[in-house]
């Protein structure tokens, strides 16, 4: 009888704990605005460097997204 009650509790609490852990991970895995700006700047730098190495001319206004 105790095993049945334990499985019932685990069946209910398991998904709840899993959901809480997933929500916590999503909320704490976001980049700060400073980190995001740094990433964007590094990406633009790499694209421009690659374009230069390939002999291409990067767009004058690299702030606009490609269409």
PDB file of N, CA and C in Angstrom:
ATOM      1  N   UNK A   1       0.818  -1.190   0.000  1.00  0.00           N
ATOM      2  CA  UNK A   1       0.000   0.000   0.000  1.00  0.00           C
ATOM      3  C   UNK A   1       0.863   1.255   0.000  1.00  0.00           C
ATOM      4  N   UNK A   2       1.971   1.231   0.747  1.00  0.00           N
ATOM      5  CA  UNK A   2       2.854   2.397   0.805  1.00  0.00           C
ATOM      6  C   UNK A   2       3.506   2.654  -0.554  1.00  0.00           C
ATOM      7  N   UNK A   3       3.833   1.563  -1.291  1.00  0.00           N
ATOM      8  CA  UNK A   3       4.424   1.736  -2.615  1.00  0.00           C
ATOM      9  C   UNK A   3       3.456   2.410  -3.568  1.00  0.00           C
ATOM     10  N   UNK A   4       2.191   2.077  -3.487  1.00  0.00           N
ATOM     11  CA  UNK A   4       1.175   2.676  -4.344  1.00  0.00           C
ATOM     12  C   UNK A   4       1.049   4.167  -4.055  1.00  0.00           C
ATOM     13  N   UNK A   5       1.048   4.532  -2.772  1.00  0.00           N
ATOM     14  CA  UNK A   5       0.955   5.948  -2.417  1.00  0.00           C
ATOM     15  C   UNK A   5       2.181   6.718  -2.877  1.00  0.00           C
ATOM     16  N   UNK A   6       3.351   6.086  -2.760  1.00  0.00           N
ATOM     17  CA  UNK A   6       4.590   6.740  -3.189  1.00  0.00           C
ATOM     18  C   UNK A   6       4.575   6.989  -4.691  1.00  0.00           C
ATOM     19  N   UNK A   7       4.147   5.993  -5.463  1.00  0.00           N
ATOM     20  CA  UNK A   7       4.080   6.163  -6.914  1.00  0.00           C
ATOM     21  C   UNK A   7       3.067   7.233  -7.290  1.00  0.00           C
ATOM     22  N   UNK A   8       1.991   7.322  -6.572  1.00  0.00           N
ATOM     23  CA  UNK A   8       1.000   8.364  -6.840  1.00  0.00           C
ATOM     24  C   UNK A   8       1.562   9.752  -6.604  1.00  0.00           C
ATOM     25  N   UNK A   9       2.290   9.901  -5.499  1.00  0.00           N
ATOM     26  CA  UNK A   9       2.912  11.191  -5.193  1.00  0.00           C
ATOM     27  C   UNK A   9       3.968  11.541  -6.240  1.00  0.00           C
ATOM     28  N   UNK A  10       4.809  10.555  -6.611  1.00  0.00           N
ATOM     29  CA  UNK A  10       5.849  10.800  -7.609  1.00  0.00           C
ATOM     30  C   UNK A  10       5.256  11.124  -8.982  1.00  0.00           C
ATOM     31  N   UNK A  11       4.144  10.489  -9.304  1.00  0.00           N
ATOM     32  CA  UNK A  11       3.483  10.741 -10.584  1.00  0.00           C
ATOM     33  C   UNK A  11       2.966  12.171 -10.658  1.00  0.00           C
ATOM     34  N   UNK A  12       2.532  12.699  -9.531  1.00  0.00           N
ATOM     35  CA  UNK A  12       2.018  14.068  -9.504  1.00  0.00           C
ATOM     36  C   UNK A  12       3.160  15.083  -9.369  1.00  0.00           C
ATOM     37  N   UNK A  13       4.090  14.848  -8.450  1.00  0.00           N
ATOM     38  CA  UNK A  13       5.156  15.816  -8.186  1.00  0.00           C
ATOM     39  C   UNK A  13       6.254  15.817  -9.249  1.00  0.00           C
ATOM     40  N   UNK A  14       6.483  14.698  -9.890  1.00  0.00           N
ATOM     41  CA  UNK A  14       7.541  14.616 -10.906  1.00  0.00           C
ATOM     42  C   UNK A  14       7.379  15.630 -12.023  1.00  0.00           C
ATOM     43  N   UNK A  15       6.233  15.640 -12.704  1.00  0.00           N
ATOM     44  CA  UNK A  15       6.042  16.617 -13.782  1.00  0.00           C
ATOM     45  C   UNK A  15       6.057  18.063 -13.280  1.00  0.00           C
ATOM     46  N   UNK A  16       5.549  18.295 -12.065  1.00  0.00           N
ATOM     47  CA  UNK A  16       5.556  19.652 -11.518  1.00  0.00           C
ATOM     48  C   UNK A  16       6.997  20.107 -11.285  1.00  0.00           C
ATOM     49  N   UNK A  17       7.817  19.247 -10.680  1.00  0.00           N
ATOM     50  CA  UNK A  17       9.219  19.604 -10.454  1.00  0.00           C
ATOM     51  C   UNK A  17       9.971  19.782 -11.769  1.00  0.00           C
ATOM     52  N   UNK A  18       9.673  18.956 -12.746  1.00  0.00           N
ATOM     53  CA  UNK A  18      10.305  19.086 -14.055  1.00  0.00           C
ATOM     54  C   UNK A  18       9.933  20.420 -14.696  1.00  0.00           C
ATOM     55  N   UNK A  19       8.669  20.794 -14.632  1.00  0.00           N
ATOM     56  CA  UNK A  19       8.226  22.072 -15.200  1.00  0.00           C
ATOM     57  C   UNK A  19       8.904  23.245 -14.499  1.00  0.00           C
ATOM     58  N   UNK A  20       9.000  23.182 -13.179  1.00  0.00           N
ATOM     59  CA  UNK A  20       9.667  24.253 -12.425  1.00  0.00           C
ATOM     60  C   UNK A  20      11.136  24.349 -12.848  1.00  0.00           C
ATOM     61  N   UNK A  21      11.806  23.232 -12.999  1.00  0.00           N
ATOM     62  CA  UNK A  21      13.217  23.238 -13.397  1.00  0.00           C
ATOM     63  C   UNK A  21      13.392  23.812 -14.803  1.00  0.00           C
ATOM     64  N   UNK A  22      12.510  23.459 -15.721  1.00  0.00           N
ATOM     65  CA  UNK A  22      12.593  23.966 -17.093  1.00  0.00           C
ATOM     66  C   UNK A  22      12.345  25.476 -17.114  1.00  0.00           C
ATOM     67  N   UNK A  23      11.337  25.933 -16.393  1.00  0.00           N
ATOM     68  CA  UNK A  23      11.042  27.369 -16.341  1.00  0.00           C
ATOM     69  C   UNK A  23      12.218  28.131 -15.729  1.00  0.00           C
ATOM     70  N   UNK A  24      12.793  27.601 -14.657  1.00  0.00           N
ATOM     71  CA  UNK A  24      13.945  28.247 -14.028  1.00  0.00           C
ATOM     72  C   UNK A  24      15.107  28.346 -15.016  1.00  0.00           C
ATOM     73  N   UNK A  25      15.374  27.264 -15.739  1.00  0.00           N
ATOM     74  CA  UNK A  25      16.489  27.249 -16.688  1.00  0.00           C
ATOM     75  C   UNK A  25      16.268  28.255 -17.815  1.00  0.00           C
ATOM     76  N   UNK A  26      15.058  28.347 -18.322  1.00  0.00           N
ATOM     77  CA  UNK A  26      14.759  29.294 -19.394  1.00  0.00           C
ATOM     78  C   UNK A  26      14.950  30.724 -18.914  1.00  0.00           C
ATOM     79  N   UNK A  27      14.468  31.021 -17.714  1.00  0.00           N
ATOM     80  CA  UNK A  27      14.566  32.385 -17.184  1.00  0.00           C
ATOM     81  C   UNK A  27      16.002  32.790 -16.887  1.00  0.00           C
ATOM     82  N   UNK A  28      16.843  31.851 -16.484  1.00  0.00           N
ATOM     83  CA  UNK A  28      18.213  32.177 -16.114  1.00  0.00           C
ATOM     84  C   UNK A  28      19.210  31.985 -17.251  1.00  0.00           C
ATOM     85  N   UNK A  29      18.743  31.646 -18.419  1.00  0.00           N
ATOM     86  CA  UNK A  29      19.634  31.417 -19.550  1.00  0.00           C
ATOM     87  C   UNK A  29      19.556  32.557 -20.570  1.00  0.00           C
ATOM     88  N   UNK A  30      18.956  33.655 -20.197  1.00  0.00           N
ATOM     89  CA  UNK A  30      18.826  34.782 -21.119  1.00  0.00           C
ATOM     90  C   UNK A  30      20.041  35.690 -21.010  1.00  0.00           C
ATOM     91  N   UNK A  31      20.423  36.250 -22.141  1.00  0.00           N
ATOM     92  CA  UNK A  31      21.565  37.159 -22.166  1.00  0.00           C
ATOM     93  C   UNK A  31      21.137  38.544 -21.704  1.00  0.00           C
ATOM     94  N   UNK A  32      22.053  39.231 -21.047  1.00  0.00           N
ATOM     95  CA  UNK A  32      21.789  40.613 -20.645  1.00  0.00           C
ATOM     96  C   UNK A  32      21.908  41.492 -21.884  1.00  0.00           C
ATOM     97  N   UNK A  33      21.350  42.697 -21.852  1.00  0.00           N
ATOM     98  CA  UNK A  33      21.488  43.588 -23.010  1.00  0.00           C
ATOM     99  C   UNK A  33      22.948  43.858 -23.385  1.00  0.00           C
ATOM    100  N   UNK A  34      23.818  43.947 -22.399  1.00  0.00           N
ATOM    101  CA  UNK A  34      25.244  44.163 -22.682  1.00  0.00           C
ATOM    102  C   UNK A  34      25.836  42.964 -23.412  1.00  0.00           C
ATOM    103  N   UNK A  35      25.523  41.758 -22.947  1.00  0.00           N
ATOM    104  CA  UNK A  35      26.029  40.552 -23.605  1.00  0.00           C
ATOM    105  C   UNK A  35      25.483  40.430 -25.025  1.00  0.00           C
ATOM    106  N   UNK A  36      24.215  40.764 -25.196  1.00  0.00           N
ATOM    107  CA  UNK A  36      23.602  40.682 -26.518  1.00  0.00           C
ATOM    108  C   UNK A  36      24.237  41.690 -27.478  1.00  0.00           C
ATOM    109  N   UNK A  37      24.498  42.908 -27.003  1.00  0.00           N
ATOM    110  CA  UNK A  37      25.144  43.927 -27.838  1.00  0.00           C
ATOM    111  C   UNK A  37      26.550  43.484 -28.219  1.00  0.00           C
ATOM    112  N   UNK A  38      27.269  42.900 -27.275  1.00  0.00           N
ATOM    113  CA  UNK A  38      28.624  42.408 -27.551  1.00  0.00           C
ATOM    114  C   UNK A  38      28.585  41.304 -28.611  1.00  0.00           C
ATOM    115  N   UNK A  39      27.632  40.401 -28.492  1.00  0.00           N
ATOM    116  CA  UNK A  39      27.494  39.311 -29.464  1.00  0.00           C
ATOM    117  C   UNK A  39      27.179  39.857 -30.853  1.00  0.00           C
ATOM    118  N   UNK A  40      26.261  40.821 -30.928  1.00  0.00           N
ATOM    119  CA  UNK A  40      25.896  41.415 -32.220  1.00  0.00           C
ATOM    120  C   UNK A  40      27.094  42.115 -32.856  1.00  0.00           C
ATOM    121  N   UNK A  41      27.853  42.862 -32.051  1.00  0.00           N
ATOM    122  CA  UNK A  41      29.021  43.563 -32.582  1.00  0.00           C
ATOM    123  C   UNK A  41      30.064  42.571 -33.081  1.00  0.00           C
ATOM    124  N   UNK A  42      30.294  41.506 -32.340  1.00  0.00           N
ATOM    125  CA  UNK A  42      31.266  40.496 -32.756  1.00  0.00           C
ATOM    126  C   UNK A  42      30.820  39.799 -34.038  1.00  0.00           C
ATOM    127  N   UNK A  43      29.534  39.549 -34.165  1.00  0.00           N
ATOM    128  CA  UNK A  43      29.008  38.909 -35.372  1.00  0.00           C
ATOM    129  C   UNK A  43      29.203  39.809 -36.583  1.00  0.00           C
ATOM    130  N   UNK A  44      28.879  41.093 -36.449  1.00  0.00           N
ATOM    131  CA  UNK A  44      29.078  42.037 -37.559  1.00  0.00           C
ATOM    132  C   UNK A  44      30.547  42.118 -37.942  1.00  0.00           C
ATOM    133  N   UNK A  45      31.416  42.125 -36.934  1.00  0.00           N
ATOM    134  CA  UNK A  45      32.853  42.178 -37.204  1.00  0.00           C
ATOM    135  C   UNK A  45      33.289  40.943 -38.000  1.00  0.00           C
ATOM    136  N   UNK A  46      32.815  39.777 -37.588  1.00  0.00           N
ATOM    137  CA  UNK A  46      33.189  38.544 -38.294  1.00  0.00           C
ATOM    138  C   UNK A  46      32.656  38.537 -39.721  1.00  0.00           C
ATOM    139  N   UNK A  47      31.414  39.002 -39.929  1.00  0.00           N
ATOM    140  CA  UNK A  47      30.852  39.061 -41.279  1.00  0.00           C
ATOM    141  C   UNK A  47      31.669  40.008 -42.161  1.00  0.00           C
ATOM    142  N   UNK A  48      32.010  41.179 -41.622  1.00  0.00           N
ATOM    143  CA  UNK A  48      32.792  42.135 -42.400  1.00  0.00           C
ATOM    144  C   UNK A  48      34.181  41.591 -42.708  1.00  0.00           C
ATOM    145  N   UNK A  49      34.787  40.919 -41.754  1.00  0.00           N
ATOM    146  CA  UNK A  49      36.103  40.317 -41.964  1.00  0.00           C
ATOM    147  C   UNK A  49      36.040  39.231 -43.038  1.00  0.00           C
ATOM    148  N   UNK A  50      35.000  38.412 -42.995  1.00  0.00           N
ATOM    149  CA  UNK A  50      34.849  37.360 -43.994  1.00  0.00           C
ATOM    150  C   UNK A  50      34.605  37.961 -45.372  1.00  0.00           C
ATOM    151  N   UNK A  51      33.786  39.014 -45.443  1.00  0.00           N
ATOM    152  CA  UNK A  51      33.515  39.669 -46.720  1.00  0.00           C
ATOM    153  C   UNK A  51      34.809  40.262 -47.289  1.00  0.00           C
ATOM    154  N   UNK A  52      35.623  40.864 -46.414  1.00  0.00           N
ATOM    155  CA  UNK A  52      36.897  41.427 -46.852  1.00  0.00           C
ATOM    156  C   UNK A  52      37.815  40.321 -47.384  1.00  0.00           C
ATOM    157  N   UNK A  53      37.880  39.212 -46.675  1.00  0.00           N
ATOM    158  CA  UNK A  53      38.732  38.097 -47.100  1.00  0.00           C
ATOM    159  C   UNK A  53      38.257  37.490 -48.416  1.00  0.00           C
ATOM    160  N   UNK A  54      36.958  37.532 -48.654  1.00  0.00           N
ATOM    161  CA  UNK A  54      36.400  36.982 -49.890  1.00  0.00           C
ATOM    162  C   UNK A  54      36.451  37.978 -51.041  1.00  0.00           C
ATOM    163  N   UNK A  55      36.912  39.197 -50.768  1.00  0.00           N
ATOM    164  CA  UNK A  55      36.984  40.209 -51.809  1.00  0.00           C
ATOM    165  C   UNK A  55      35.667  40.898 -52.061  1.00  0.00           C
ATOM    166  N   UNK A  56      34.734  40.764 -51.167  1.00  0.00           N
ATOM    167  CA  UNK A  56      33.420  41.406 -51.314  1.00  0.00           C
ATOM    168  C   UNK A  56      33.426  42.701 -50.513  1.00  0.00           C
ATOM    169  N   UNK A  57      32.489  43.550 -50.840  1.00  0.00           N
ATOM    170  CA  UNK A  57      32.346  44.796 -50.100  1.00  0.00           C
ATOM    171  C   UNK A  57      31.142  44.673 -49.179  1.00  0.00           C
ATOM    172  N   UNK A  58      31.341  44.787 -47.870  1.00  0.00           N
ATOM    173  CA  UNK A  58      30.184  44.722 -46.959  1.00  0.00           C
ATOM    174  C   UNK A  58      29.279  45.919 -47.190  1.00  0.00           C
ATOM    175  N   UNK A  59      28.031  45.741 -46.869  1.00  0.00           N
ATOM    176  CA  UNK A  59      27.073  46.840 -47.013  1.00  0.00           C
ATOM    177  C   UNK A  59      27.535  48.050 -46.215  1.00  0.00           C
ATOM    178  N   UNK A  60      27.255  49.220 -46.749  1.00  0.00           N
ATOM    179  CA  UNK A  60      27.629  50.444 -46.027  1.00  0.00           C
ATOM    180  C   UNK A  60      26.873  50.543 -44.711  1.00  0.00           C
ATOM    181  N   UNK A  61      25.616  50.210 -44.719  1.00  0.00           N
ATOM    182  CA  UNK A  61      24.820  50.276 -43.513  1.00  0.00           C
ATOM    183  C   UNK A  61      24.610  48.858 -43.018  1.00  0.00           C
ATOM    184  N   UNK A  62      25.539  48.354 -42.212  1.00  0.00           N
ATOM    185  CA  UNK A  62      25.457  46.969 -41.760  1.00  0.00           C
ATOM    186  C   UNK A  62      24.462  46.787 -40.613  1.00  0.00           C
ATOM    187  N   UNK A  63      23.817  47.889 -40.185  1.00  0.00           N
ATOM    188  CA  UNK A  63      22.815  47.780 -39.133  1.00  0.00           C
ATOM    189  C   UNK A  63      21.499  47.229 -39.654  1.00  0.00           C
ATOM    190  N   UNK A  64      21.291  47.357 -40.964  1.00  0.00           N
ATOM    191  CA  UNK A  64      20.050  46.853 -41.541  1.00  0.00           C
ATOM    192  C   UNK A  64      20.138  45.349 -41.740  1.00  0.00           C
ATOM    193  N   UNK A  65      19.071  44.620 -41.427  1.00  0.00           N
ATOM    194  CA  UNK A  65      19.099  43.175 -41.671  1.00  0.00           C
ATOM    195  C   UNK A  65      19.033  42.871 -43.157  1.00  0.00           C
ATOM    196  N   UNK A  66      19.613  41.767 -43.538  1.00  0.00           N
ATOM    197  CA  UNK A  66      19.576  41.342 -44.943  1.00  0.00           C
ATOM    198  C   UNK A  66      18.156  40.985 -45.333  1.00  0.00           C
ATOM    199  N   UNK A  67      17.805  41.310 -46.568  1.00  0.00           N
ATOM    200  CA  UNK A  67      16.434  41.030 -47.017  1.00  0.00           C
ATOM    201  C   UNK A  67      16.438  39.997 -48.113  1.00  0.00           C
TER     202      UNK A  67
END
